[in-house]
PDB file of N, CA and C in Angstrom:
ATOM      1  N   MET A   1       7.812   3.543  -4.459  1.00  0.00           N
ATOM      2  CA  MET A   1       6.616   3.525  -3.649  1.00  0.00           C
ATOM      3  C   MET A   1       6.061   4.942  -3.618  1.00  0.00           C
ATOM      4  N   TYR A   2       4.743   5.047  -3.750  1.00  0.00           N
ATOM      5  CA  TYR A   2       4.088   6.342  -3.660  1.00  0.00           C
ATOM      6  C   TYR A   2       2.724   6.164  -3.047  1.00  0.00           C
ATOM      7  N   VAL A   3       2.108   7.265  -2.731  1.00  0.00           N
ATOM      8  CA  VAL A   3       0.790   7.238  -2.108  1.00  0.00           C
ATOM      9  C   VAL A   3      -0.257   7.701  -3.120  1.00  0.00           C
ATOM     10  N   GLY A   4      -1.411   7.100  -3.028  1.00  0.00           N
ATOM     11  CA  GLY A   4      -2.548   7.507  -3.847  1.00  0.00           C
ATOM     12  C   GLY A   4      -3.820   7.260  -3.071  1.00  0.00           C
ATOM     13  N   ALA A   5      -4.886   7.885  -3.462  1.00  0.00           N
ATOM     14  CA  ALA A   5      -6.158   7.721  -2.761  1.00  0.00           C
ATOM     15  C   ALA A   5      -7.277   7.548  -3.777  1.00  0.00           C
ATOM     16  N   LEU A   6      -8.332   6.848  -3.350  1.00  0.00           N
ATOM     17  CA  LEU A   6      -9.506   6.618  -4.178  1.00  0.00           C
ATOM     18  C   LEU A   6     -10.742   7.043  -3.404  1.00  0.00           C
ATOM     19  N   SER A   7     -11.764   7.452  -4.123  1.00  0.00           N
ATOM     20  CA  SER A   7     -13.005   7.836  -3.451  1.00  0.00           C
ATOM     21  C   SER A   7     -13.956   6.656  -3.270  1.00  0.00           C
ATOM     22  N   PHE A   8     -13.563   5.462  -3.749  1.00  0.00           N
ATOM     23  CA  PHE A   8     -14.428   4.291  -3.688  1.00  0.00           C
ATOM     24  C   PHE A   8     -13.709   3.162  -2.964  1.00  0.00           C
ATOM     25  N   TYR A   9     -14.429   2.466  -2.078  1.00  0.00           N
ATOM     26  CA  TYR A   9     -13.860   1.329  -1.367  1.00  0.00           C
ATOM     27  C   TYR A   9     -14.952   0.314  -1.091  1.00  0.00           C
ATOM     28  N   ASP A  10     -14.674  -0.948  -1.376  1.00  0.00           N
ATOM     29  CA  ASP A  10     -15.608  -2.041  -1.118  1.00  0.00           C
ATOM     30  C   ASP A  10     -14.927  -3.042  -0.192  1.00  0.00           C
ATOM     31  N   SER A  11     -15.263  -2.985   1.100  1.00  0.00           N
ATOM     32  CA  SER A  11     -14.591  -3.832   2.087  1.00  0.00           C
ATOM     33  C   SER A  11     -14.854  -5.324   1.876  1.00  0.00           C
ATOM     34  N   ALA A  12     -15.934  -5.679   1.185  1.00  0.00           N
ATOM     35  CA  ALA A  12     -16.261  -7.083   0.949  1.00  0.00           C
ATOM     36  C   ALA A  12     -15.512  -7.662  -0.257  1.00  0.00           C
ATOM     37  N   ASP A  13     -14.875  -6.820  -1.038  1.00  0.00           N
ATOM     38  CA  ASP A  13     -14.191  -7.246  -2.259  1.00  0.00           C
ATOM     39  C   ASP A  13     -12.789  -7.761  -1.943  1.00  0.00           C
ATOM     40  N   GLU A  14     -12.660  -9.070  -1.799  1.00  0.00           N
ATOM     41  CA  GLU A  14     -11.380  -9.697  -1.464  1.00  0.00           C
ATOM     42  C   GLU A  14     -10.393  -9.678  -2.629  1.00  0.00           C
ATOM     43  N   GLU A  15     -10.885  -9.466  -3.846  1.00  0.00           N
ATOM     44  CA  GLU A  15     -10.030  -9.443  -5.032  1.00  0.00           C
ATOM     45  C   GLU A  15      -9.453  -8.057  -5.306  1.00  0.00           C
ATOM     46  N   LEU A  16      -9.833  -7.070  -4.507  1.00  0.00           N
ATOM     47  CA  LEU A  16      -9.364  -5.688  -4.613  1.00  0.00           C
ATOM     48  C   LEU A  16      -9.746  -5.002  -5.921  1.00  0.00           C
ATOM     49  N   GLU A  17     -10.859  -5.421  -6.499  1.00  0.00           N
ATOM     50  CA  GLU A  17     -11.328  -4.787  -7.728  1.00  0.00           C
ATOM     51  C   GLU A  17     -11.644  -3.308  -7.506  1.00  0.00           C
ATOM     52  N   TRP A  18     -11.950  -2.927  -6.270  1.00  0.00           N
ATOM     53  CA  TRP A  18     -12.244  -1.531  -5.953  1.00  0.00           C
ATOM     54  C   TRP A  18     -11.071  -0.618  -6.277  1.00  0.00           C
ATOM     55  N   LEU A  19      -9.865  -1.163  -6.347  1.00  0.00           N
ATOM     56  CA  LEU A  19      -8.708  -0.347  -6.696  1.00  0.00           C
ATOM     57  C   LEU A  19      -8.751   0.135  -8.138  1.00  0.00           C
ATOM     58  N   TRP A  20      -9.446  -0.600  -8.984  1.00  0.00           N
ATOM     59  CA  TRP A  20      -9.426  -0.288 -10.414  1.00  0.00           C
ATOM     60  C   TRP A  20     -10.760   0.258 -10.900  1.00  0.00           C
ATOM     61  N   LYS A  21     -11.821   0.178 -10.064  1.00  0.00           N
ATOM     62  CA  LYS A  21     -13.146   0.650 -10.464  1.00  0.00           C
ATOM     63  C   LYS A  21     -13.294   2.146 -10.227  1.00  0.00           C
ATOM     64  N   GLY A  22     -14.216   2.714 -10.958  1.00  0.00           N
ATOM     65  CA  GLY A  22     -14.642   4.089 -10.685  1.00  0.00           C
ATOM     66  C   GLY A  22     -13.545   5.119 -10.775  1.00  0.00           C
ATOM     67  N   GLY A  23     -13.951   6.347 -10.621  1.00  0.00           N
ATOM     68  CA  GLY A  23     -13.016   7.463 -10.686  1.00  0.00           C
ATOM     69  C   GLY A  23     -12.605   7.897  -9.296  1.00  0.00           C
ATOM     70  N   GLY A  24     -12.359   9.166  -9.174  1.00  0.00           N
ATOM     71  CA  GLY A  24     -12.004   9.719  -7.886  1.00  0.00           C
ATOM     72  C   GLY A  24     -10.608   9.358  -7.422  1.00  0.00           C
ATOM     73  N   LYS A  25      -9.691   9.112  -8.370  1.00  0.00           N
ATOM     74  CA  LYS A  25      -8.317   8.798  -7.988  1.00  0.00           C
ATOM     75  C   LYS A  25      -7.566  10.100  -7.718  1.00  0.00           C
ATOM     76  N   HIS A  26      -6.717  10.064  -6.704  1.00  0.00           N
ATOM     77  CA  HIS A  26      -5.950  11.246  -6.343  1.00  0.00           C
ATOM     78  C   HIS A  26      -4.516  10.846  -6.034  1.00  0.00           C
ATOM     79  N   TYR A  27      -3.595  11.501  -6.695  1.00  0.00           N
ATOM     80  CA  TYR A  27      -2.179  11.301  -6.428  1.00  0.00           C
ATOM     81  C   TYR A  27      -1.592  12.666  -6.079  1.00  0.00           C
ATOM     82  N   PRO A  28      -1.196  12.846  -4.823  1.00  0.00           N
ATOM     83  CA  PRO A  28      -0.644  14.145  -4.418  1.00  0.00           C
ATOM     84  C   PRO A  28       0.625  14.496  -5.182  1.00  0.00           C
ATOM     85  N   ASP A  29       0.950  15.775  -5.242  1.00  0.00           N
ATOM     86  CA  ASP A  29       2.213  16.196  -5.846  1.00  0.00           C
ATOM     87  C   ASP A  29       3.356  15.547  -5.084  1.00  0.00           C
ATOM     88  N   ASP A  30       4.349  15.082  -5.814  1.00  0.00           N
ATOM     89  CA  ASP A  30       5.521  14.433  -5.233  1.00  0.00           C
ATOM     90  C   ASP A  30       5.127  13.354  -4.230  1.00  0.00           C
ATOM     91  N   ALA A  31       4.276  12.446  -4.658  1.00  0.00           N
ATOM     92  CA  ALA A  31       3.758  11.390  -3.785  1.00  0.00           C
ATOM     93  C   ALA A  31       4.752  10.253  -3.558  1.00  0.00           C
ATOM     94  N   TYR A  32       5.900  10.291  -4.234  1.00  0.00           N
ATOM     95  CA  TYR A  32       6.862   9.200  -4.103  1.00  0.00           C
ATOM     96  C   TYR A  32       7.599   9.259  -2.772  1.00  0.00           C
ATOM     97  N   ALA A  33       7.949   8.084  -2.250  1.00  0.00           N
ATOM     98  CA  ALA A  33       8.597   7.977  -0.947  1.00  0.00           C
ATOM     99  C   ALA A  33      10.069   8.379  -0.988  1.00  0.00           C
ATOM    100  N   HIS A  34      10.715   8.270  -2.136  1.00  0.00           N
ATOM    101  CA  HIS A  34      12.155   8.546  -2.232  1.00  0.00           C
ATOM    102  C   HIS A  34      12.911   7.756  -1.163  1.00  0.00           C
ATOM    103  N   SER A  35      12.607   6.487  -1.044  1.00  0.00           N
ATOM    104  CA  SER A  35      13.125   5.640   0.021  1.00  0.00           C
ATOM    105  C   SER A  35      14.508   5.075  -0.298  1.00  0.00           C
ATOM    106  N   ALA A  36      15.462   5.357   0.574  1.00  0.00           N
ATOM    107  CA  ALA A  36      16.801   4.782   0.432  1.00  0.00           C
ATOM    108  C   ALA A  36      16.749   3.269   0.627  1.00  0.00           C
ATOM    109  N   SER A  37      15.868   2.802   1.503  1.00  0.00           N
ATOM    110  CA  SER A  37      15.755   1.356   1.751  1.00  0.00           C
ATOM    111  C   SER A  37      15.274   0.615   0.514  1.00  0.00           C
ATOM    112  N   LEU A  38      14.258   1.147  -0.159  1.00  0.00           N
ATOM    113  CA  LEU A  38      13.770   0.506  -1.382  1.00  0.00           C
ATOM    114  C   LEU A  38      14.835   0.526  -2.474  1.00  0.00           C
ATOM    115  N   LYS A  39      15.561   1.619  -2.560  1.00  0.00           N
ATOM    116  CA  LYS A  39      16.639   1.705  -3.544  1.00  0.00           C
ATOM    117  C   LYS A  39      17.707   0.654  -3.252  1.00  0.00           C
ATOM    118  N   ASN A  40      18.051   0.469  -1.974  1.00  0.00           N
ATOM    119  CA  ASN A  40      19.052  -0.532  -1.601  1.00  0.00           C
ATOM    120  C   ASN A  40      18.578  -1.947  -1.910  1.00  0.00           C
ATOM    121  N   ILE A  41      17.309  -2.225  -1.654  1.00  0.00           N
ATOM    122  CA  ILE A  41      16.762  -3.547  -1.980  1.00  0.00           C
ATOM    123  C   ILE A  41      16.918  -3.815  -3.480  1.00  0.00           C
ATOM    124  N   TYR A  42      16.558  -2.827  -4.302  1.00  0.00           N
ATOM    125  CA  TYR A  42      16.670  -2.971  -5.750  1.00  0.00           C
ATOM    126  C   TYR A  42      18.123  -3.217  -6.163  1.00  0.00           C
ATOM    127  N   GLU A  43      19.035  -2.413  -5.614  1.00  0.00           N
ATOM    128  CA  GLU A  43      20.447  -2.533  -5.993  1.00  0.00           C
ATOM    129  C   GLU A  43      21.030  -3.887  -5.593  1.00  0.00           C
ATOM    130  N   ILE A  44      20.650  -4.392  -4.431  1.00  0.00           N
ATOM    131  CA  ILE A  44      21.137  -5.704  -4.003  1.00  0.00           C
ATOM    132  C   ILE A  44      20.539  -6.816  -4.868  1.00  0.00           C
ATOM    133  N   ALA A  45      19.257  -6.705  -5.162  1.00  0.00           N
ATOM    134  CA  ALA A  45      18.571  -7.745  -5.948  1.00  0.00           C
ATOM    135  C   ALA A  45      19.113  -7.844  -7.364  1.00  0.00           C
ATOM    136  N   TYR A  46      19.441  -6.701  -7.982  1.00  0.00           N
ATOM    137  CA  TYR A  46      19.858  -6.691  -9.389  1.00  0.00           C
ATOM    138  C   TYR A  46      21.318  -6.295  -9.596  1.00  0.00           C
ATOM    139  N   GLY A  47      22.068  -6.113  -8.505  1.00  0.00           N
ATOM    140  CA  GLY A  47      23.419  -5.566  -8.597  1.00  0.00           C
ATOM    141  C   GLY A  47      24.476  -6.485  -9.172  1.00  0.00           C
ATOM    142  N   SER A  48      24.204  -7.766  -9.253  1.00  0.00           N
ATOM    143  CA  SER A  48      25.190  -8.696  -9.809  1.00  0.00           C
ATOM    144  C   SER A  48      24.463  -9.837 -10.507  1.00  0.00           C
ATOM    145  N   LYS A  49      25.219 -10.619 -11.261  1.00  0.00           N
ATOM    146  CA  LYS A  49      24.622 -11.767 -11.947  1.00  0.00           C
ATOM    147  C   LYS A  49      24.095 -12.790 -10.950  1.00  0.00           C
ATOM    148  N   GLU A  50      24.686 -12.815  -9.753  1.00  0.00           N
ATOM    149  CA  GLU A  50      24.269 -13.756  -8.717  1.00  0.00           C
ATOM    150  C   GLU A  50      23.067 -13.231  -7.921  1.00  0.00           C
ATOM    151  N   GLY A  51      22.672 -11.999  -8.172  1.00  0.00           N
ATOM    152  CA  GLY A  51      21.553 -11.413  -7.435  1.00  0.00           C
ATOM    153  C   GLY A  51      20.257 -12.173  -7.697  1.00  0.00           C
ATOM    154  N   LEU A  52      19.343 -12.092  -6.767  1.00  0.00           N
ATOM    155  CA  LEU A  52      18.079 -12.824  -6.880  1.00  0.00           C
ATOM    156  C   LEU A  52      17.044 -12.111  -7.742  1.00  0.00           C
ATOM    157  N   GLY A  53      17.324 -10.891  -8.162  1.00  0.00           N
ATOM    158  CA  GLY A  53      16.412 -10.164  -9.051  1.00  0.00           C
ATOM    159  C   GLY A  53      15.022 -10.033  -8.471  1.00  0.00           C
ATOM    160  N   ASN A  54      14.032 -10.331  -9.282  1.00  0.00           N
ATOM    161  CA  ASN A  54      12.634 -10.181  -8.872  1.00  0.00           C
ATOM    162  C   ASN A  54      12.265 -11.108  -7.716  1.00  0.00           C
ATOM    163  N   ASN A  55      12.955 -12.241  -7.571  1.00  0.00           N
ATOM    164  CA  ASN A  55      12.676 -13.152  -6.458  1.00  0.00           C
ATOM    165  C   ASN A  55      12.979 -12.507  -5.108  1.00  0.00           C
ATOM    166  N   ALA A  56      13.834 -11.517  -5.102  1.00  0.00           N
ATOM    167  CA  ALA A  56      14.120 -10.763  -3.875  1.00  0.00           C
ATOM    168  C   ALA A  56      13.333  -9.455  -3.860  1.00  0.00           C
ATOM    169  N   GLU A  57      13.361  -8.744  -4.978  1.00  0.00           N
ATOM    170  CA  GLU A  57      12.732  -7.419  -5.021  1.00  0.00           C
ATOM    171  C   GLU A  57      11.245  -7.477  -4.703  1.00  0.00           C
ATOM    172  N   TRP A  58      10.515  -8.379  -5.317  1.00  0.00           N
ATOM    173  CA  TRP A  58       9.055  -8.418  -5.165  1.00  0.00           C
ATOM    174  C   TRP A  58       8.632  -8.595  -3.708  1.00  0.00           C
ATOM    175  N   PRO A  59       9.057  -9.676  -3.012  1.00  0.00           N
ATOM    176  CA  PRO A  59       8.574  -9.851  -1.646  1.00  0.00           C
ATOM    177  C   PRO A  59       9.152  -8.821  -0.664  1.00  0.00           C
ATOM    178  N   LEU A  60      10.415  -8.441  -0.843  1.00  0.00           N
ATOM    179  CA  LEU A  60      11.021  -7.508   0.106  1.00  0.00           C
ATOM    180  C   LEU A  60      10.433  -6.108  -0.009  1.00  0.00           C
ATOM    181  N   CYS A  61      10.211  -5.641  -1.230  1.00  0.00           N
ATOM    182  CA  CYS A  61       9.605  -4.311  -1.400  1.00  0.00           C
ATOM    183  C   CYS A  61       8.156  -4.299  -0.925  1.00  0.00           C
ATOM    184  N   LEU A  62       7.429  -5.359  -1.192  1.00  0.00           N
ATOM    185  CA  LEU A  62       6.042  -5.449  -0.744  1.00  0.00           C
ATOM    186  C   LEU A  62       5.972  -5.458   0.788  1.00  0.00           C
ATOM    187  N   ALA A  63       6.834  -6.231   1.417  1.00  0.00           N
ATOM    188  CA  ALA A  63       6.865  -6.279   2.881  1.00  0.00           C
ATOM    189  C   ALA A  63       7.285  -4.929   3.460  1.00  0.00           C
ATOM    190  N   PHE A  64       8.290  -4.309   2.876  1.00  0.00           N
ATOM    191  CA  PHE A  64       8.731  -3.001   3.354  1.00  0.00           C
ATOM    192  C   PHE A  64       7.591  -1.994   3.274  1.00  0.00           C
ATOM    193  N   ALA A  65       6.890  -1.980   2.146  1.00  0.00           N
ATOM    194  CA  ALA A  65       5.770  -1.049   1.974  1.00  0.00           C
ATOM    195  C   ALA A  65       4.674  -1.308   3.000  1.00  0.00           C
ATOM    196  N   ALA A  66       4.353  -2.569   3.226  1.00  0.00           N
ATOM    197  CA  ALA A  66       3.295  -2.904   4.183  1.00  0.00           C
ATOM    198  C   ALA A  66       3.653  -2.425   5.585  1.00  0.00           C
ATOM    199  N   PHE A  67       4.865  -2.688   6.021  1.00  0.00           N
ATOM    200  CA  PHE A  67       5.270  -2.264   7.363  1.00  0.00           C
ATOM    201  C   PHE A  67       5.397  -0.743   7.463  1.00  0.00           C
ATOM    202  N   ALA A  68       5.897  -0.100   6.428  1.00  0.00           N
ATOM    203  CA  ALA A  68       6.037   1.356   6.454  1.00  0.00           C
ATOM    204  C   ALA A  68       4.672   2.036   6.523  1.00  0.00           C
ATOM    205  N   VAL A  69       3.735   1.585   5.700  1.00  0.00           N
ATOM    206  CA  VAL A  69       2.405   2.187   5.687  1.00  0.00           C
ATOM    207  C   VAL A  69       1.685   1.912   6.998  1.00  0.00           C
ATOM    208  N   ARG A  70       1.799   0.707   7.493  1.00  0.00           N
ATOM    209  CA  ARG A  70       1.182   0.387   8.789  1.00  0.00           C
ATOM    210  C   ARG A  70       1.722   1.302   9.885  1.00  0.00           C
ATOM    211  N   SER A  71       2.999   1.527   9.895  1.00  0.00           N
ATOM    212  CA  SER A  71       3.610   2.396  10.894  1.00  0.00           C
ATOM    213  C   SER A  71       3.134   3.835  10.741  1.00  0.00           C
ATOM    214  N   LEU A  72       3.060   4.320   9.513  1.00  0.00           N
ATOM    215  CA  LEU A  72       2.625   5.697   9.260  1.00  0.00           C
ATOM    216  C   LEU A  72       1.166   5.935   9.638  1.00  0.00           C
ATOM    217  N   LEU A  73       0.332   4.919   9.484  1.00  0.00           N
ATOM    218  CA  LEU A  73      -1.099   5.083   9.749  1.00  0.00           C
ATOM    219  C   LEU A  73      -1.504   4.742  11.174  1.00  0.00           C
ATOM    220  N   ASN A  74      -0.590   4.224  11.956  1.00  0.00           N
ATOM    221  CA  ASN A  74      -0.894   3.876  13.334  1.00  0.00           C
ATOM    222  C   ASN A  74      -1.450   5.095  14.083  1.00  0.00           C
ATOM    223  N   GLY A  75      -2.646   4.953  14.630  1.00  0.00           N
ATOM    224  CA  GLY A  75      -3.282   6.035  15.381  1.00  0.00           C
ATOM    225  C   GLY A  75      -4.005   7.063  14.528  1.00  0.00           C
ATOM    226  N   GLN A  76      -4.033   6.878  13.205  1.00  0.00           N
ATOM    227  CA  GLN A  76      -4.708   7.829  12.314  1.00  0.00           C
ATOM    228  C   GLN A  76      -6.143   7.380  12.041  1.00  0.00           C
ATOM    229  N   THR A  77      -6.954   8.299  11.532  1.00  0.00           N
ATOM    230  CA  THR A  77      -8.335   8.027  11.143  1.00  0.00           C
ATOM    231  C   THR A  77      -8.553   8.517   9.717  1.00  0.00           C
ATOM    232  N   PRO A  78      -9.729   8.254   9.124  1.00  0.00           N
ATOM    233  CA  PRO A  78      -9.989   8.759   7.775  1.00  0.00           C
ATOM    234  C   PRO A  78      -9.874  10.284   7.662  1.00  0.00           C
ATOM    235  N   LYS A  79      -9.963  10.987   8.747  1.00  0.00           N
ATOM    236  CA  LYS A  79      -9.821  12.447   8.717  1.00  0.00           C
ATOM    237  C   LYS A  79      -8.430  12.867   8.256  1.00  0.00           C
ATOM    238  N   LEU A  80      -7.452  11.956   8.374  1.00  0.00           N
ATOM    239  CA  LEU A  80      -6.098  12.225   7.893  1.00  0.00           C
ATOM    240  C   LEU A  80      -6.116  12.651   6.430  1.00  0.00           C
ATOM    241  N   VAL A  81      -6.991  12.037   5.648  1.00  0.00           N
ATOM    242  CA  VAL A  81      -7.087  12.354   4.222  1.00  0.00           C
ATOM    243  C   VAL A  81      -8.326  13.184   3.912  1.00  0.00           C
ATOM    244  N   GLY A  82      -8.891  13.814   4.938  1.00  0.00           N
ATOM    245  CA  GLY A  82     -10.034  14.699   4.742  1.00  0.00           C
ATOM    246  C   GLY A  82     -11.311  13.972   4.397  1.00  0.00           C
ATOM    247  N   SER A  83     -11.450  12.740   4.869  1.00  0.00           N
ATOM    248  CA  SER A  83     -12.625  11.949   4.534  1.00  0.00           C
ATOM    249  C   SER A  83     -13.541  11.799   5.741  1.00  0.00           C
ATOM    250  N   ASN A  84     -14.836  11.769   5.468  1.00  0.00           N
ATOM    251  CA  ASN A  84     -15.834  11.482   6.497  1.00  0.00           C
ATOM    252  C   ASN A  84     -16.280  10.025   6.448  1.00  0.00           C
ATOM    253  N   ALA A  85     -15.603   9.216   5.625  1.00  0.00           N
ATOM    254  CA  ALA A  85     -15.948   7.804   5.503  1.00  0.00           C
ATOM    255  C   ALA A  85     -15.704   7.096   6.835  1.00  0.00           C
ATOM    256  N   LYS A  86     -16.487   6.063   7.088  1.00  0.00           N
ATOM    257  CA  LYS A  86     -16.311   5.273   8.306  1.00  0.00           C
ATOM    258  C   LYS A  86     -15.058   4.404   8.228  1.00  0.00           C
ATOM    259  N   LYS A  87     -14.703   3.980   7.001  1.00  0.00           N
ATOM    260  CA  LYS A  87     -13.471   3.227   6.816  1.00  0.00           C
ATOM    261  C   LYS A  87     -12.968   3.386   5.391  1.00  0.00           C
ATOM    262  N   ILE A  88     -11.658   3.312   5.284  1.00  0.00           N
ATOM    263  CA  ILE A  88     -10.972   3.453   4.005  1.00  0.00           C
ATOM    264  C   ILE A  88     -10.029   2.268   3.865  1.00  0.00           C
ATOM    265  N   GLY A  89     -10.100   1.581   2.745  1.00  0.00           N
ATOM    266  CA  GLY A  89      -9.207   0.453   2.510  1.00  0.00           C
ATOM    267  C   GLY A  89      -7.785   0.916   2.284  1.00  0.00           C
ATOM    268  N   VAL A  90      -6.832   0.139   2.768  1.00  0.00           N
ATOM    269  CA  VAL A  90      -5.416   0.452   2.611  1.00  0.00           C
ATOM    270  C   VAL A  90      -4.735  -0.752   1.974  1.00  0.00           C
ATOM    271  N   ALA A  91      -4.101  -0.513   0.839  1.00  0.00           N
ATOM    272  CA  ALA A  91      -3.407  -1.575   0.114  1.00  0.00           C
ATOM    273  C   ALA A  91      -2.019  -1.085  -0.276  1.00  0.00           C
ATOM    274  N   VAL A  92      -1.103  -2.016  -0.425  1.00  0.00           N
ATOM    275  CA  VAL A  92       0.230  -1.713  -0.945  1.00  0.00           C
ATOM    276  C   VAL A  92       0.458  -2.636  -2.132  1.00  0.00           C
ATOM    277  N   GLY A  93       1.357  -2.235  -3.004  1.00  0.00           N
ATOM    278  CA  GLY A  93       1.639  -3.093  -4.138  1.00  0.00           C
ATOM    279  C   GLY A  93       2.349  -2.374  -5.247  1.00  0.00           C
ATOM    280  N   PHE A  94       2.314  -2.990  -6.398  1.00  0.00           N
ATOM    281  CA  PHE A  94       3.024  -2.514  -7.567  1.00  0.00           C
ATOM    282  C   PHE A  94       2.033  -2.015  -8.616  1.00  0.00           C
ATOM    283  N   ASP A  95       2.485  -1.095  -9.456  1.00  0.00           N
ATOM    284  CA  ASP A  95       1.652  -0.583 -10.546  1.00  0.00           C
ATOM    285  C   ASP A  95       1.169  -1.697 -11.461  1.00  0.00           C
ATOM    286  N   SER A  96       1.911  -2.788 -11.518  1.00  0.00           N
ATOM    287  CA  SER A  96       1.549  -3.899 -12.399  1.00  0.00           C
ATOM    288  C   SER A  96       0.300  -4.632 -11.928  1.00  0.00           C
ATOM    289  N   GLY A  97      -0.148  -4.347 -10.695  1.00  0.00           N
ATOM    290  CA  GLY A  97      -1.363  -4.971 -10.203  1.00  0.00           C
ATOM    291  C   GLY A  97      -1.162  -5.934  -9.061  1.00  0.00           C
ATOM    292  N   ASP A  98       0.061  -6.260  -8.724  1.00  0.00           N
ATOM    293  CA  ASP A  98       0.307  -7.125  -7.570  1.00  0.00           C
ATOM    294  C   ASP A  98       0.074  -6.303  -6.313  1.00  0.00           C
ATOM    295  N   MET A  99      -1.084  -6.509  -5.684  1.00  0.00           N
ATOM    296  CA  MET A  99      -1.489  -5.693  -4.546  1.00  0.00           C
ATOM    297  C   MET A  99      -1.827  -6.567  -3.348  1.00  0.00           C
ATOM    298  N   LEU A 100      -1.702  -5.976  -2.179  1.00  0.00           N
ATOM    299  CA  LEU A 100      -2.004  -6.650  -0.936  1.00  0.00           C
ATOM    300  C   LEU A 100      -2.759  -5.685  -0.036  1.00  0.00           C
ATOM    301  N   LYS A 101      -3.989  -6.049   0.329  1.00  0.00           N
ATOM    302  CA  LYS A 101      -4.742  -5.226   1.276  1.00  0.00           C
ATOM    303  C   LYS A 101      -4.181  -5.497   2.660  1.00  0.00           C
ATOM    304  N   ILE A 102      -3.720  -4.436   3.339  1.00  0.00           N
ATOM    305  CA  ILE A 102      -3.115  -4.626   4.654  1.00  0.00           C
ATOM    306  C   ILE A 102      -4.019  -4.182   5.793  1.00  0.00           C
ATOM    307  N   GLY A 103      -5.076  -3.449   5.488  1.00  0.00           N
ATOM    308  CA  GLY A 103      -5.961  -3.016   6.563  1.00  0.00           C
ATOM    309  C   GLY A 103      -6.946  -1.967   6.136  1.00  0.00           C
ATOM    310  N   GLU A 104      -7.527  -1.341   7.146  1.00  0.00           N
ATOM    311  CA  GLU A 104      -8.497  -0.276   6.923  1.00  0.00           C
ATOM    312  C   GLU A 104      -8.216   0.857   7.902  1.00  0.00           C
ATOM    313  N   LEU A 105      -8.352   2.053   7.406  1.00  0.00           N
ATOM    314  CA  LEU A 105      -8.275   3.227   8.252  1.00  0.00           C
ATOM    315  C   LEU A 105      -9.704   3.497   8.713  1.00  0.00           C
ATOM    316  N   THR A 106      -9.940   3.375  10.022  1.00  0.00           N
ATOM    317  CA  THR A 106     -11.291   3.490  10.563  1.00  0.00           C
ATOM    318  C   THR A 106     -11.380   4.658  11.537  1.00  0.00           C
ATOM    319  N   GLU A 107     -12.584   4.911  12.027  1.00  0.00           N
ATOM    320  CA  GLU A 107     -12.790   5.973  13.005  1.00  0.00           C
ATOM    321  C   GLU A 107     -12.038   5.682  14.303  1.00  0.00           C
ATOM    322  N   ASP A 108     -11.704   4.410  14.538  1.00  0.00           N
ATOM    323  CA  ASP A 108     -10.962   4.003  15.737  1.00  0.00           C
ATOM    324  C   ASP A 108      -9.464   3.884  15.478  1.00  0.00           C
ATOM    325  N   GLY A 109      -9.017   4.194  14.283  1.00  0.00           N
ATOM    326  CA  GLY A 109      -7.607   4.089  13.923  1.00  0.00           C
ATOM    327  C   GLY A 109      -7.389   3.035  12.857  1.00  0.00           C
ATOM    328  N   PHE A 110      -6.129   2.724  12.608  1.00  0.00           N
ATOM    329  CA  PHE A 110      -5.787   1.736  11.588  1.00  0.00           C
ATOM    330  C   PHE A 110      -6.040   0.330  12.125  1.00  0.00           C
ATOM    331  N   ALA A 111      -6.729  -0.490  11.351  1.00  0.00           N
ATOM    332  CA  ALA A 111      -7.037  -1.876  11.742  1.00  0.00           C
ATOM    333  C   ALA A 111      -6.415  -2.808  10.698  1.00  0.00           C
ATOM    334  N   VAL A 112      -5.606  -3.741  11.161  1.00  0.00           N
ATOM    335  CA  VAL A 112      -4.955  -4.721  10.279  1.00  0.00           C
ATOM    336  C   VAL A 112      -6.013  -5.683   9.760  1.00  0.00           C
ATOM    337  N   VAL A 113      -5.887  -6.091   8.509  1.00  0.00           N
ATOM    338  CA  VAL A 113      -6.795  -7.061   7.905  1.00  0.00           C
ATOM    339  C   VAL A 113      -6.668  -8.395   8.620  1.00  0.00           C
ATOM    340  N   GLN A 114      -7.796  -8.967   8.934  1.00  0.00           N
ATOM    341  CA  GLN A 114      -7.836 -10.317   9.507  1.00  0.00           C
ATOM    342  C   GLN A 114      -8.160 -11.283   8.384  1.00  0.00           C
ATOM    343  N   ARG A 115      -7.187 -12.079   8.003  1.00  0.00           N
ATOM    344  CA  ARG A 115      -7.375 -13.041   6.911  1.00  0.00           C
ATOM    345  C   ARG A 115      -8.266 -14.198   7.353  1.00  0.00           C
ATOM    346  N   LYS A 116      -9.118 -14.626   6.444  1.00  0.00           N
ATOM    347  CA  LYS A 116      -9.962 -15.797   6.711  1.00  0.00           C
ATOM    348  C   LYS A 116      -9.137 -17.059   6.464  1.00  0.00           C
ATOM    349  N   PRO A 117      -9.240 -18.055   7.368  1.00  0.00           N
ATOM    350  CA  PRO A 117      -8.461 -19.297   7.190  1.00  0.00           C
ATOM    351  C   PRO A 117      -8.907 -20.086   5.983  1.00  0.00           C
TER     352      PRO A 117
END
């Protein structure tokens, strides 16, 4: 897991195409989390022939990332990343493209995404 930032965000884009459009990508030096929890999830998932492999790793790592990022951004605003934007999209996921938008960093703090029924 690592952190990255984009200069472009489209809040109406439910398919998260804004993650792949345009330039302005920024990855800080040593942006990786170096998470012992993620390492343990991987080791348990793939540690034996009986392990669940990707069936465990994919949902557990995605959930861990979502909760960790939500916790880190609680009470923060776009100024955290030096932005004057009114809102910044926040997504977690894998480099392969499996992504989940979890919320927006707004002038009022982090707001969880409200899914449409």
